[in-house]
Amino acid sequence: MTDVAWGSQDFFARNGLETPYREAPELCVEIVSPSDSTLEIEEKINLYLSKGAREVWVCDEDGRLRFFTCRDSIDHSRLFPNVPDDIPFQ
């Protein structure tokens, strides 16, 4: 299960509000914890994308964001182009 997700009105019209969903929401965000291995994160990225996510964001322990689509990693979100590449912690 993804840590954070965003689904459009169309997504919820198709899937309703009851989980588990038959498909992944358009955006799935995974927040890396110290116990997560690189392999676990890669598996989650591939799972979300294979289930229909248009983008997967991975936030590391330093607040840096990485963005992925079914084709490859991308420099910035295409769904939300104004999202910064990192989230400053205070």
Protein backbone atom coordinates (compact mmCIF):
# COMPACT_ATOMS: atom_id res chain seq x y z
CA MET A 1 0.00 0.00 0.00
CA THR A 2 1.33 3.40 -0.96
CA ASP A 3 2.07 6.00 1.72
CA VAL A 4 0.25 8.83 -0.11
CA ALA A 5 -1.91 8.78 -3.23
CA TRP A 6 -3.89 11.13 -5.43
CA GLY A 7 -6.75 10.05 -7.65
CA SER A 8 -8.77 12.10 -10.09
CA GLN A 9 -12.56 12.34 -10.14
CA ASP A 10 -12.48 9.85 -13.02
CA PHE A 11 -10.48 7.41 -10.89
CA PHE A 12 -13.05 7.56 -8.09
CA ALA A 13 -15.96 7.34 -10.56
CA ARG A 14 -14.44 4.05 -11.80
CA ASN A 15 -13.39 2.68 -8.41
CA GLY A 16 -15.62 4.24 -5.78
CA LEU A 17 -14.29 4.87 -2.29
CA GLU A 18 -13.96 1.30 -1.01
CA THR A 19 -10.51 -0.20 -0.90
CA PRO A 20 -8.66 -2.16 -2.09
CA TYR A 21 -8.91 -0.55 -5.50
CA ARG A 22 -8.74 -2.63 -8.69
CA GLU A 23 -6.17 -0.20 -10.07
CA ALA A 24 -3.64 2.23 -8.64
CA PRO A 25 -4.51 5.93 -8.37
CA GLU A 26 -2.81 8.18 -10.91
CA LEU A 27 -0.19 9.29 -8.37
CA CYS A 28 1.42 7.08 -5.73
CA VAL A 29 4.00 8.49 -3.30
CA GLU A 30 6.37 6.26 -1.38
CA ILE A 31 8.22 7.66 1.64
CA VAL A 32 11.46 5.78 2.21
CA SER A 33 12.07 4.63 5.76
CA PRO A 34 15.39 3.37 7.16
CA SER A 35 14.17 -0.22 7.02
CA ASP A 36 13.31 -0.06 3.28
CA SER A 37 15.81 -1.70 0.96
CA THR A 38 16.49 -0.40 -2.54
CA LEU A 39 14.93 -3.59 -3.91
CA GLU A 40 11.74 -3.05 -1.88
CA ILE A 41 11.37 0.49 -3.22
CA GLU A 42 11.99 -0.65 -6.81
CA GLU A 43 9.38 -3.40 -6.40
CA LYS A 44 6.83 -0.89 -5.08
CA ILE A 45 7.52 1.52 -7.96
CA ASN A 46 7.04 -1.29 -10.48
CA LEU A 47 3.89 -2.55 -8.74
CA TYR A 48 2.18 0.85 -8.69
CA LEU A 49 3.07 1.54 -12.32
CA SER A 50 1.96 -1.92 -13.44
CA LYS A 51 -1.39 -1.34 -11.71
CA GLY A 52 -2.01 1.90 -13.62
CA ALA A 53 -0.29 4.72 -11.72
CA ARG A 54 0.77 7.45 -14.13
CA GLU A 55 3.52 8.64 -11.78
CA VAL A 56 5.29 7.38 -8.69
CA TRP A 57 7.19 9.74 -6.44
CA VAL A 58 9.78 8.52 -3.98
CA CYS A 59 10.73 10.78 -1.07
CA ASP A 60 14.01 9.84 0.60
CA GLU A 61 15.07 10.51 4.19
CA ASP A 62 16.59 13.88 3.20
CA GLY A 63 13.36 15.09 1.58
CA ARG A 64 14.58 14.64 -2.01
CA LEU A 65 11.93 13.57 -4.47
CA ARG A 66 12.48 11.25 -7.42
CA PHE A 67 9.81 10.87 -10.09
CA PHE A 68 8.97 7.80 -12.18
CA THR A 69 6.63 6.93 -15.04
CA CYS A 70 6.08 3.61 -16.79
CA ARG A 71 8.84 4.54 -19.22
CA ASP A 72 11.62 5.66 -16.86
CA SER A 73 12.60 8.17 -14.22
CA ILE A 74 11.82 11.80 -15.03
CA ASP A 75 13.30 15.07 -13.78
CA HIS A 76 10.02 16.64 -12.64
CA SER A 77 6.41 15.63 -12.18
CA ARG A 78 4.32 15.86 -15.31
CA LEU A 79 1.07 15.61 -13.37
CA PHE A 80 2.02 18.42 -10.97
CA PRO A 81 4.83 20.41 -12.65
CA ASN A 82 5.14 22.95 -9.83
CA VAL A 83 6.11 20.37 -7.20
CA PRO A 84 9.67 21.04 -5.96
CA ASP A 85 12.43 18.43 -6.22
CA ASP A 86 12.88 18.38 -2.48
CA ILE A 87 10.93 19.03 0.66
CA PRO A 88 12.95 21.03 3.18
CA PHE A 89 12.74 19.70 6.71
CA GLN A 90 12.96 22.15 9.56
